[in-house]
Amino acid sequence: MARGGLRGLIDRTAERRAADQPAADQDAADHGGNPCRCELCAAPIPADHRHLLEPAVREPRCACRPCALLFEHPPAEGDRYRLVPDRRWYLPDFVLDDATWASLDIPVQMAFACHDSAEGRTVIRYPGPAGAVEAAVEPAAWAAVEEANPVLRRLTPDVEALLVNRTRDARDHWLVPIDDCFALVAVLRSHWKGLAGGQDVWNEVGAFFAELRRRAKPMPMPVGVSKGVPR
């Protein structure tokens, strides 16, 4: 996939968006051909760069390497930004059957879950043509998912998410940086047409997950440990 894989997805969809759309879906690339710039110090940066998240407004900021390194330590009280990790794990042993998924009452077949440190809870959202929508998941239903999958304790609050794809018979689960979820939302916003979305949007969604599969590593299961339990 051209232009930096998942990063390129955000860039290409940003080109199709009006200037007044939310910054959470935007990349700092100059689409006139000039270099991207760090949003903290304005230094030029490559297309494949790290991001900082501003949890208070849930907006990613493009960062050069020196600025990103400033936030590699665990966040201190008062820190405005969180460094978005760049690890991607495919979770082949994630436990989420059809009945449990139905109990979550999510109206589409994709969703992402991230622990919101400000609210002190896990927030589940799903992508749609108007952006990311929070799902009204019953706490008990989500608690059952967490109990079956201790791997969720490995998610870094605010900046990592569980991403679920159940479209077109898929049953895939991923641990991803939160900006990958923003990229998926951008794909739907940019390509959706009519009531059902149209074939183009589903082709792009398929390309997104194919690229994610290429970049992600399967999370190994330790010997003697039950499914869903992290190392």
Foldseek 3Di string as FASTA:
>chain_A
DPQAFLLVLLVVLQVQDDPPDDQQSHAQQDVVPDFRAFPPPRHGDHSPFWWKAQLVVRHITGHHPVVLVVQPDDDDPPDRIHTADAAKAWAPLQDDDPVLVVLQVDPDQKKKWAQRVVVRGIWIWDAALVFIDTGPGDPVSVVVSCVRAVVVVVQDHSFWIWIAGCPPNDGIIMIGTVSSVSSLNSLQNRQADDDPRDPVSVVVNVSSVVSSVVRHHYQDDDPPDDGNHHD
